C-alpha atoms as a PDB file:
ATOM      1  CA  MET A   1     -66.174  -7.854  34.703  1.00  0.00           C
ATOM      2  CA  THR A   2     -63.990  -6.851  37.577  1.00  0.00           C
ATOM      3  CA  ASP A   3     -64.382  -8.071  41.126  1.00  0.00           C
ATOM      4  CA  SER A   4     -64.448  -5.315  43.740  1.00  0.00           C
ATOM      5  CA  HIS A   5     -61.229  -6.634  45.335  1.00  0.00           C
ATOM      6  CA  GLU A   6     -59.406  -6.085  42.003  1.00  0.00           C
ATOM      7  CA  LEU A   7     -60.301  -2.394  41.796  1.00  0.00           C
ATOM      8  CA  PRO A   8     -57.668   0.313  42.380  1.00  0.00           C
ATOM      9  CA  ILE A   9     -59.791   1.738  45.213  1.00  0.00           C
ATOM     10  CA  PRO A  10     -60.105  -0.437  48.331  1.00  0.00           C
ATOM     11  CA  ASP A  11     -63.622  -0.823  49.763  1.00  0.00           C
ATOM     12  CA  TYR A  12     -65.045   0.779  46.617  1.00  0.00           C
ATOM     13  CA  ASP A  13     -68.534  -0.661  47.019  1.00  0.00           C
ATOM     14  CA  GLN A  14     -68.852   0.672  50.592  1.00  0.00           C
ATOM     15  CA  LEU A  15     -67.622   4.222  49.944  1.00  0.00           C
ATOM     16  CA  ALA A  16     -69.894   7.191  50.382  1.00  0.00           C
ATOM     17  CA  LEU A  17     -70.287   9.461  47.377  1.00  0.00           C
ATOM     18  CA  GLY A  18     -68.122  12.227  48.873  1.00  0.00           C
ATOM     19  CA  ASP A  19     -65.309   9.819  49.748  1.00  0.00           C
ATOM     20  CA  LEU A  20     -65.375   8.339  46.271  1.00  0.00           C
ATOM     21  CA  GLN A  21     -65.180  11.776  44.704  1.00  0.00           C
ATOM     22  CA  HIS A  22     -61.928  12.467  46.558  1.00  0.00           C
ATOM     23  CA  ARG A  23     -60.346   9.060  46.029  1.00  0.00           C
ATOM     24  CA  ILE A  24     -60.770   8.981  42.253  1.00  0.00           C
ATOM     25  CA  ARG A  25     -58.671  12.139  41.876  1.00  0.00           C
ATOM     26  CA  SER A  26     -55.448  10.134  42.126  1.00  0.00           C
ATOM     27  CA  LEU A  27     -56.449   7.527  39.532  1.00  0.00           C
ATOM     28  CA  THR A  28     -54.988   7.400  36.042  1.00  0.00           C
ATOM     29  CA  ALA A  29     -57.296   7.277  33.038  1.00  0.00           C
ATOM     30  CA  ASP A  30     -56.832   3.493  32.782  1.00  0.00           C
ATOM     31  CA  GLN A  31     -57.596   2.931  36.470  1.00  0.00           C
ATOM     32  CA  LEU A  32     -60.632   5.191  36.242  1.00  0.00           C
ATOM     33  CA  GLY A  33     -61.822   3.194  33.229  1.00  0.00           C
ATOM     34  CA  VAL A  34     -61.657  -0.005  35.288  1.00  0.00           C
ATOM     35  CA  VAL A  35     -63.743   1.581  38.056  1.00  0.00           C
ATOM     36  CA  LEU A  36     -66.214   3.027  35.553  1.00  0.00           C
ATOM     37  CA  ASN A  37     -66.687  -0.344  33.844  1.00  0.00           C
ATOM     38  CA  HIS A  38     -67.165  -2.021  37.232  1.00  0.00           C
ATOM     39  CA  GLU A  39     -69.805   0.495  38.294  1.00  0.00           C
ATOM     40  CA  ALA A  40     -71.648   0.310  34.969  1.00  0.00           C
ATOM     41  CA  GLY A  41     -71.713  -3.491  35.129  1.00  0.00           C
ATOM     42  CA  HIS A  42     -72.715  -3.816  38.778  1.00  0.00           C
ATOM     43  CA  ALA A  43     -74.727  -1.224  40.684  1.00  0.00           C
ATOM     44  CA  ALA A  44     -74.934   1.400  37.888  1.00  0.00           C
ATOM     45  CA  ARG A  45     -75.671   4.146  40.422  1.00  0.00           C
ATOM     46  CA  VAL A  46     -76.407   7.289  38.416  1.00  0.00           C
ATOM     47  CA  PRO A  47     -74.709   9.796  40.786  1.00  0.00           C
ATOM     48  CA  VAL A  48     -71.576   7.623  40.909  1.00  0.00           C
ATOM     49  CA  LEU A  49     -71.494   7.243  37.122  1.00  0.00           C
ATOM     50  CA  GLU A  50     -71.849  11.022  36.760  1.00  0.00           C
ATOM     51  CA  ILE A  51     -68.872  11.646  39.061  1.00  0.00           C
ATOM     52  CA  LEU A  52     -66.724   9.039  37.321  1.00  0.00           C
ATOM     53  CA  GLU A  53     -67.600  10.313  33.854  1.00  0.00           C
ATOM     54  CA  ALA A  54     -66.931  13.923  34.885  1.00  0.00           C
ATOM     55  CA  ARG A  55     -63.488  12.936  36.156  1.00  0.00           C
ATOM     56  CA  GLN A  56     -62.867  11.008  32.949  1.00  0.00           C
ATOM     57  CA  ARG A  57     -63.655  14.155  30.930  1.00  0.00           C
ATOM     58  CA  GLU A  58     -61.256  16.148  33.128  1.00  0.00           C
ATOM     59  CA  LEU A  59     -58.467  13.658  32.456  1.00  0.00           C
ATOM     60  CA  GLU A  60     -59.198  13.683  28.722  1.00  0.00           C
ATOM     61  CA  ALA A  61     -59.034  17.497  28.787  1.00  0.00           C
ATOM     62  CA  GLY A  62     -55.499  17.376  30.200  1.00  0.00           C
ATOM     63  CA  ALA A  63     -55.924  17.152  33.965  1.00  0.00           C
ATOM     64  CA  SER A  64     -53.344  15.025  35.704  1.00  0.00           C
ATOM     65  CA  PRO A  65     -53.976  12.607  38.569  1.00  0.00           C
ATOM     66  CA  ALA A  66     -53.414  14.001  42.046  1.00  0.00           C
ATOM     67  CA  PRO A  67     -50.443  12.629  43.952  1.00  0.00           C
ATOM     68  CA  GLY A  68     -51.135   9.835  46.386  1.00  0.00           C
ATOM     69  CA  ASP A  69     -52.332   6.294  46.408  1.00  0.00           C
ATOM     70  CA  PRO A  70     -56.003   5.519  47.091  1.00  0.00           C
ATOM     71  CA  GLY A  71     -54.829   2.203  48.530  1.00  0.00           C
ATOM     72  CA  ASN A  72     -53.351   4.085  51.489  1.00  0.00           C
ATOM     73  CA  ALA A  73     -56.674   5.683  52.445  1.00  0.00           C
ATOM     74  CA  PRO A  74     -58.252   4.574  55.714  1.00  0.00           C
ATOM     75  CA  GLY A  75     -60.667   1.686  55.470  1.00  0.00           C
ATOM     76  CA  VAL A  76     -64.418   1.990  55.629  1.00  0.00           C
ATOM     77  CA  GLN A  77     -66.035   1.231  58.970  1.00  0.00           C
ATOM     78  CA  SER A  78     -68.920  -1.116  58.375  1.00  0.00           C
ATOM     79  CA  SER A  79     -71.946  -0.740  60.561  1.00  0.00           C
ATOM     80  CA  PRO A  80     -73.901  -3.775  61.726  1.00  0.00           C
ATOM     81  CA  GLY A  81     -77.060  -2.328  60.211  1.00  0.00           C
ATOM     82  CA  GLY A  82     -80.464  -2.077  61.713  1.00  0.00           C
ATOM     83  CA  SER A  83     -81.777   0.594  63.996  1.00  0.00           C
ATOM     84  CA  PRO A  84     -80.322   1.263  67.440  1.00  0.00           C
ATOM     85  CA  VAL A  85     -83.825   2.182  68.588  1.00  0.00           C
ATOM     86  CA  GLN A  86     -85.329  -0.103  71.186  1.00  0.00           C
ATOM     87  CA  GLU A  87     -88.885  -0.334  72.390  1.00  0.00           C
ATOM     88  CA  SER A  88     -87.904   1.443  75.594  1.00  0.00           C
ATOM     89  CA  THR A  89     -86.482   4.412  73.645  1.00  0.00           C
ATOM     90  CA  ALA A  90     -89.075   4.592  70.868  1.00  0.00           C
ATOM     91  CA  ALA A  91     -91.519   7.459  70.583  1.00  0.00           C
ATOM     92  CA  PRO A  92     -94.944   6.857  72.064  1.00  0.00           C
ATOM     93  CA  GLY A  93     -97.511   5.519  69.665  1.00  0.00           C
ATOM     94  CA  GLY A  94    -100.228   7.777  68.458  1.00  0.00           C
ATOM     95  CA  THR A  95    -102.551   8.343  65.586  1.00  0.00           C
ATOM     96  CA  PRO A  96    -100.659   9.914  62.711  1.00  0.00           C
ATOM     97  CA  LEU A  97    -102.220  12.827  60.884  1.00  0.00           C
ATOM     98  CA  ARG A  98    -104.135  11.759  57.817  1.00  0.00           C
ATOM     99  CA  HIS A  99    -103.432  14.509  55.346  1.00  0.00           C
ATOM    100  CA  GLY A 100    -105.764  14.839  52.435  1.00  0.00           C
ATOM    101  CA  VAL A 101    -108.666  12.884  53.916  1.00  0.00           C
ATOM    102  CA  ALA A 102    -111.588  15.194  54.575  1.00  0.00           C
ATOM    103  CA  ASN A 103    -112.982  15.287  58.119  1.00  0.00           C
ATOM    104  CA  GLN A 104    -110.583  12.608  59.358  1.00  0.00           C
ATOM    105  CA  THR A 105    -107.749  14.762  60.631  1.00  0.00           C
ATOM    106  CA  PRO A 106    -107.931  15.207  64.404  1.00  0.00           C
ATOM    107  CA  LYS A 107    -108.836  18.705  65.520  1.00  0.00           C
ATOM    108  CA  ARG A 108    -105.568  19.615  67.151  1.00  0.00           C
ATOM    109  CA  GLY A 109    -106.077  22.522  69.533  1.00  0.00           C
ATOM    110  CA  ARG A 110    -109.421  23.460  68.041  1.00  0.00           C
ATOM    111  CA  PRO A 111    -112.830  23.095  69.679  1.00  0.00           C
END
């Protein structure tokens, strides 16, 4: 198996689906095969596999890689994670609607 730092696309594991779709266009069939094997052996995300396999079919049908080097693409900004919401900015608490439970939904605006 291939480590993510050995892939032809930097920051592969952090890329959004749309970014990945653009960056694989410059890969050769061999490079795409490396990425496809990595994805299948690691996360195996179905939408990602579909995009990679579709590009592989395009290359097999005679498409040529786009000019450019995916290694020159800007890096991915990692977010610290978590929610920026604080208790002071959170919505006020209240009873949520209980859909599907007879006679337990509050009578909103009705007598």
